[in-house]
């Protein structure tokens, strides 16, 4: 029988004729006499309260275990995914070049008014100035008419990028 394999701690009988439900309840009580299964057949609109005791335990592995002991499932840092599973991650670096005719310094100043962290960065690749926004987005001066935005795609970086592209300049 399905219920014997499942071995539920509670069985609630609903949606049936009272006499048939009573016989089914009695039969189930007999079948589950050796277990602590609670069998309930409430009347229509009668409330039933159940209390569940659940213990959750987390298993933290890899670099994440060095930082935070957690509590139930296996948790790991994304960098450890390929080490402890057959899954892998991919980082997508994106770049967009957009037309910008304003002063680059004014853009930086305006973004400082919006974002808490806007810092100048060293520029090893080209001659123009570069700054970072929240260590997630890099803004580079490309020419008098263009700037480029560089970021690693993730939900937070994408949100920062959207805010920069849509900010008044």
C-alpha atoms as a PDB file:
ATOM      1  CA  UNK A   1       0.000   0.000   0.000  1.00  0.00           C
ATOM      2  CA  UNK A   2       1.221   3.487  -0.860  1.00  0.00           C
ATOM      3  CA  UNK A   3       0.735   4.851   2.660  1.00  0.00           C
ATOM      4  CA  UNK A   4       2.791   2.041   4.227  1.00  0.00           C
ATOM      5  CA  UNK A   5       5.713   2.879   1.933  1.00  0.00           C
ATOM      6  CA  UNK A   6       5.337   6.584   2.573  1.00  0.00           C
ATOM      7  CA  UNK A   7       4.891   6.170   6.362  1.00  0.00           C
ATOM      8  CA  UNK A   8       3.464   9.657   6.957  1.00  0.00           C
ATOM      9  CA  UNK A   9       3.306  10.999  10.512  1.00  0.00           C
ATOM     10  CA  UNK A  10      -0.182  12.431   9.793  1.00  0.00           C
ATOM     11  CA  UNK A  11      -3.075  11.388   7.562  1.00  0.00           C
ATOM     12  CA  UNK A  12      -6.010  13.744   7.083  1.00  0.00           C
ATOM     13  CA  UNK A  13      -9.151  12.308   5.503  1.00  0.00           C
ATOM     14  CA  UNK A  14     -11.326  14.872   3.716  1.00  0.00           C
ATOM     15  CA  UNK A  15     -14.018  15.029   1.018  1.00  0.00           C
ATOM     16  CA  UNK A  16     -16.024  11.922   1.687  1.00  0.00           C
ATOM     17  CA  UNK A  17     -19.288  10.578   3.047  1.00  0.00           C
ATOM     18  CA  UNK A  18     -19.110  10.454   6.855  1.00  0.00           C
ATOM     19  CA  UNK A  19     -19.786   6.690   7.277  1.00  0.00           C
ATOM     20  CA  UNK A  20     -17.281   5.676   4.599  1.00  0.00           C
ATOM     21  CA  UNK A  21     -14.697   8.072   6.004  1.00  0.00           C
ATOM     22  CA  UNK A  22     -15.250   6.546   9.458  1.00  0.00           C
ATOM     23  CA  UNK A  23     -14.665   3.008   8.118  1.00  0.00           C
ATOM     24  CA  UNK A  24     -11.531   4.151   6.244  1.00  0.00           C
ATOM     25  CA  UNK A  25     -10.222   5.880   9.356  1.00  0.00           C
ATOM     26  CA  UNK A  26     -10.811   2.742  11.451  1.00  0.00           C
ATOM     27  CA  UNK A  27      -9.049   0.576   8.836  1.00  0.00           C
ATOM     28  CA  UNK A  28      -6.073   2.955   8.722  1.00  0.00           C
ATOM     29  CA  UNK A  29      -5.863   3.039  12.532  1.00  0.00           C
ATOM     30  CA  UNK A  30      -5.672  -0.754  12.482  1.00  0.00           C
ATOM     31  CA  UNK A  31      -2.990  -0.784   9.766  1.00  0.00           C
ATOM     32  CA  UNK A  32      -0.897   1.894  11.461  1.00  0.00           C
ATOM     33  CA  UNK A  33      -1.397   0.633  15.038  1.00  0.00           C
ATOM     34  CA  UNK A  34       2.301  -0.140  15.478  1.00  0.00           C
ATOM     35  CA  UNK A  35       3.361   3.315  14.247  1.00  0.00           C
ATOM     36  CA  UNK A  36       2.822   6.778  15.619  1.00  0.00           C
ATOM     37  CA  UNK A  37       0.746   7.886  12.620  1.00  0.00           C
ATOM     38  CA  UNK A  38      -1.972  10.337  13.567  1.00  0.00           C
ATOM     39  CA  UNK A  39      -5.178   9.877  11.536  1.00  0.00           C
ATOM     40  CA  UNK A  40      -7.679  12.735  11.458  1.00  0.00           C
ATOM     41  CA  UNK A  41     -11.054  13.037   9.729  1.00  0.00           C
ATOM     42  CA  UNK A  42     -12.270  16.581  10.406  1.00  0.00           C
ATOM     43  CA  UNK A  43     -15.824  17.684   9.724  1.00  0.00           C
ATOM     44  CA  UNK A  44     -16.441  20.196   6.921  1.00  0.00           C
ATOM     45  CA  UNK A  45     -14.954  23.624   7.704  1.00  0.00           C
ATOM     46  CA  UNK A  46     -13.238  22.279  10.842  1.00  0.00           C
ATOM     47  CA  UNK A  47      -9.715  23.617  11.278  1.00  0.00           C
ATOM     48  CA  UNK A  48      -6.819  21.236  11.656  1.00  0.00           C
ATOM     49  CA  UNK A  49      -3.579  22.376  13.253  1.00  0.00           C
ATOM     50  CA  UNK A  50      -0.346  20.554  12.594  1.00  0.00           C
ATOM     51  CA  UNK A  51       3.070  21.259  14.005  1.00  0.00           C
ATOM     52  CA  UNK A  52       6.207  20.338  12.125  1.00  0.00           C
ATOM     53  CA  UNK A  53       9.605  19.917  13.633  1.00  0.00           C
ATOM     54  CA  UNK A  54      12.225  20.221  10.955  1.00  0.00           C
ATOM     55  CA  UNK A  55      15.943  20.233  11.404  1.00  0.00           C
ATOM     56  CA  UNK A  56      17.997  21.723   8.612  1.00  0.00           C
ATOM     57  CA  UNK A  57      21.675  21.096   8.202  1.00  0.00           C
ATOM     58  CA  UNK A  58      23.952  22.695   5.645  1.00  0.00           C
ATOM     59  CA  UNK A  59      27.218  21.242   4.425  1.00  0.00           C
ATOM     60  CA  UNK A  60      29.622  23.959   3.323  1.00  0.00           C
ATOM     61  CA  UNK A  61      32.635  22.942   1.243  1.00  0.00           C
ATOM     62  CA  UNK A  62      35.541  24.601  -0.538  1.00  0.00           C
ATOM     63  CA  UNK A  63      36.447  28.252  -0.093  1.00  0.00           C
ATOM     64  CA  UNK A  64      33.014  29.127   1.218  1.00  0.00           C
ATOM     65  CA  UNK A  65      33.615  26.885   4.256  1.00  0.00           C
ATOM     66  CA  UNK A  66      36.487  29.126   5.283  1.00  0.00           C
ATOM     67  CA  UNK A  67      34.098  32.066   5.633  1.00  0.00           C
ATOM     68  CA  UNK A  68      30.708  30.944   6.906  1.00  0.00           C
ATOM     69  CA  UNK A  69      29.430  27.846   8.622  1.00  0.00           C
ATOM     70  CA  UNK A  70      25.833  27.419   7.392  1.00  0.00           C
ATOM     71  CA  UNK A  71      22.917  25.220   8.347  1.00  0.00           C
ATOM     72  CA  UNK A  72      20.964  21.654   5.653  1.00  0.00           C
ATOM     73  CA  UNK A  73      22.117  21.619   2.041  1.00  0.00           C
ATOM     74  CA  UNK A  74      25.486  21.705   0.330  1.00  0.00           C
ATOM     75  CA  UNK A  75      26.625  25.262  -0.257  1.00  0.00           C
ATOM     76  CA  UNK A  76      29.713  26.280  -2.162  1.00  0.00           C
ATOM     77  CA  UNK A  77      31.297  29.292  -3.769  1.00  0.00           C
ATOM     78  CA  UNK A  78      30.716  29.567  -7.528  1.00  0.00           C
ATOM     79  CA  UNK A  79      34.481  29.181  -8.106  1.00  0.00           C
ATOM     80  CA  UNK A  80      34.345  25.736  -6.422  1.00  0.00           C
ATOM     81  CA  UNK A  81      31.444  24.425  -8.508  1.00  0.00           C
ATOM     82  CA  UNK A  82      33.662  22.567 -10.998  1.00  0.00           C
ATOM     83  CA  UNK A  83      35.719  21.023  -8.178  1.00  0.00           C
ATOM     84  CA  UNK A  84      32.812  19.465  -6.247  1.00  0.00           C
ATOM     85  CA  UNK A  85      30.326  18.793  -9.068  1.00  0.00           C
ATOM     86  CA  UNK A  86      30.124  18.148 -12.792  1.00  0.00           C
ATOM     87  CA  UNK A  87      28.853  21.694 -13.340  1.00  0.00           C
ATOM     88  CA  UNK A  88      30.878  24.708 -14.368  1.00  0.00           C
ATOM     89  CA  UNK A  89      30.421  28.463 -14.434  1.00  0.00           C
ATOM     90  CA  UNK A  90      31.165  31.011 -17.097  1.00  0.00           C
ATOM     91  CA  UNK A  91      32.041  34.657 -16.708  1.00  0.00           C
ATOM     92  CA  UNK A  92      30.847  36.903 -19.493  1.00  0.00           C
ATOM     93  CA  UNK A  93      32.743  40.148 -19.965  1.00  0.00           C
ATOM     94  CA  UNK A  94      30.770  42.729 -21.872  1.00  0.00           C
ATOM     95  CA  UNK A  95      31.590  46.031 -23.507  1.00  0.00           C
ATOM     96  CA  UNK A  96      29.414  48.697 -25.018  1.00  0.00           C
ATOM     97  CA  UNK A  97      30.603  51.851 -26.759  1.00  0.00           C
ATOM     98  CA  UNK A  98      28.142  54.710 -26.682  1.00  0.00           C
ATOM     99  CA  UNK A  99      28.062  58.201 -28.110  1.00  0.00           C
ATOM    100  CA  UNK A 100      28.941  60.822 -25.504  1.00  0.00           C
ATOM    101  CA  UNK A 101      29.658  64.431 -26.352  1.00  0.00           C
ATOM    102  CA  UNK A 102      29.871  65.862 -22.823  1.00  0.00           C
ATOM    103  CA  UNK A 103      32.903  66.402 -20.633  1.00  0.00           C
ATOM    104  CA  UNK A 104      34.208  63.148 -19.168  1.00  0.00           C
ATOM    105  CA  UNK A 105      34.914  64.840 -15.818  1.00  0.00           C
ATOM    106  CA  UNK A 106      31.308  66.055 -15.614  1.00  0.00           C
ATOM    107  CA  UNK A 107      30.084  62.488 -16.216  1.00  0.00           C
ATOM    108  CA  UNK A 108      32.273  61.257 -13.360  1.00  0.00           C
ATOM    109  CA  UNK A 109      31.035  64.061 -11.091  1.00  0.00           C
ATOM    110  CA  UNK A 110      27.370  63.284 -11.886  1.00  0.00           C
ATOM    111  CA  UNK A 111      27.874  59.570 -11.246  1.00  0.00           C
ATOM    112  CA  UNK A 112      29.514  60.383  -7.894  1.00  0.00           C
ATOM    113  CA  UNK A 113      26.254  62.113  -6.958  1.00  0.00           C
ATOM    114  CA  UNK A 114      24.326  58.925  -7.751  1.00  0.00           C
ATOM    115  CA  UNK A 115      26.748  56.184  -6.641  1.00  0.00           C
ATOM    116  CA  UNK A 116      28.654  55.826  -3.407  1.00  0.00           C
ATOM    117  CA  UNK A 117      31.810  54.489  -5.057  1.00  0.00           C
ATOM    118  CA  UNK A 118      33.207  56.111  -8.206  1.00  0.00           C
ATOM    119  CA  UNK A 119      37.005  55.869  -8.311  1.00  0.00           C
ATOM    120  CA  UNK A 120      39.682  56.735 -10.875  1.00  0.00           C
ATOM    121  CA  UNK A 121      41.494  53.681 -12.215  1.00  0.00           C
ATOM    122  CA  UNK A 122      44.893  53.215 -13.849  1.00  0.00           C
ATOM    123  CA  UNK A 123      44.604  52.879 -17.613  1.00  0.00           C
ATOM    124  CA  UNK A 124      47.109  50.475 -19.119  1.00  0.00           C
ATOM    125  CA  UNK A 125      45.306  50.007 -22.439  1.00  0.00           C
ATOM    126  CA  UNK A 126      44.722  53.500 -23.808  1.00  0.00           C
ATOM    127  CA  UNK A 127      45.548  57.167 -23.261  1.00  0.00           C
ATOM    128  CA  UNK A 128      42.228  58.471 -21.936  1.00  0.00           C
ATOM    129  CA  UNK A 129      40.971  58.616 -18.341  1.00  0.00           C
ATOM    130  CA  UNK A 130      39.183  55.638 -16.756  1.00  0.00           C
ATOM    131  CA  UNK A 131      37.029  55.276 -13.664  1.00  0.00           C
ATOM    132  CA  UNK A 132      35.197  52.455 -11.957  1.00  0.00           C
ATOM    133  CA  UNK A 133      31.705  52.406 -10.485  1.00  0.00           C
ATOM    134  CA  UNK A 134      31.290  50.158  -7.421  1.00  0.00           C
ATOM    135  CA  UNK A 135      34.136  47.913  -8.648  1.00  0.00           C
ATOM    136  CA  UNK A 136      31.620  46.443 -11.113  1.00  0.00           C
ATOM    137  CA  UNK A 137      31.707  48.767 -14.093  1.00  0.00           C
ATOM    138  CA  UNK A 138      34.623  50.445 -15.832  1.00  0.00           C
ATOM    139  CA  UNK A 139      33.986  53.658 -17.803  1.00  0.00           C
ATOM    140  CA  UNK A 140      36.674  54.570 -20.347  1.00  0.00           C
ATOM    141  CA  UNK A 141      37.128  57.737 -22.398  1.00  0.00           C
ATOM    142  CA  UNK A 142      37.561  56.574 -25.999  1.00  0.00           C
ATOM    143  CA  UNK A 143      37.322  59.836 -27.981  1.00  0.00           C
ATOM    144  CA  UNK A 144      35.641  63.237 -27.950  1.00  0.00           C
ATOM    145  CA  UNK A 145      32.453  61.541 -29.085  1.00  0.00           C
ATOM    146  CA  UNK A 146      32.536  58.088 -27.441  1.00  0.00           C
ATOM    147  CA  UNK A 147      32.948  56.333 -24.119  1.00  0.00           C
ATOM    148  CA  UNK A 148      33.050  52.599 -23.496  1.00  0.00           C
ATOM    149  CA  UNK A 149      31.565  50.716 -20.582  1.00  0.00           C
ATOM    150  CA  UNK A 150      33.059  47.365 -19.508  1.00  0.00           C
ATOM    151  CA  UNK A 151      31.545  44.930 -16.996  1.00  0.00           C
ATOM    152  CA  UNK A 152      31.244  41.290 -16.039  1.00  0.00           C
ATOM    153  CA  UNK A 153      27.690  40.175 -16.552  1.00  0.00           C
ATOM    154  CA  UNK A 154      25.782  39.432 -13.347  1.00  0.00           C
ATOM    155  CA  UNK A 155      22.534  40.862 -11.982  1.00  0.00           C
ATOM    156  CA  UNK A 156      24.163  43.566  -9.847  1.00  0.00           C
ATOM    157  CA  UNK A 157      26.666  44.708 -12.473  1.00  0.00           C
ATOM    158  CA  UNK A 158      23.910  44.787 -15.095  1.00  0.00           C
ATOM    159  CA  UNK A 159      21.831  46.953 -12.762  1.00  0.00           C
ATOM    160  CA  UNK A 160      24.746  49.370 -12.228  1.00  0.00           C
ATOM    161  CA  UNK A 161      25.292  49.540 -15.993  1.00  0.00           C
ATOM    162  CA  UNK A 162      21.602  50.264 -16.629  1.00  0.00           C
ATOM    163  CA  UNK A 163      21.723  53.065 -14.055  1.00  0.00           C
ATOM    164  CA  UNK A 164      24.799  54.639 -15.644  1.00  0.00           C
ATOM    165  CA  UNK A 165      23.433  54.439 -19.187  1.00  0.00           C
ATOM    166  CA  UNK A 166      20.128  55.960 -18.086  1.00  0.00           C
ATOM    167  CA  UNK A 167      21.570  58.625 -15.762  1.00  0.00           C
ATOM    168  CA  UNK A 168      21.292  62.267 -16.794  1.00  0.00           C
ATOM    169  CA  UNK A 169      24.580  63.619 -18.101  1.00  0.00           C
END
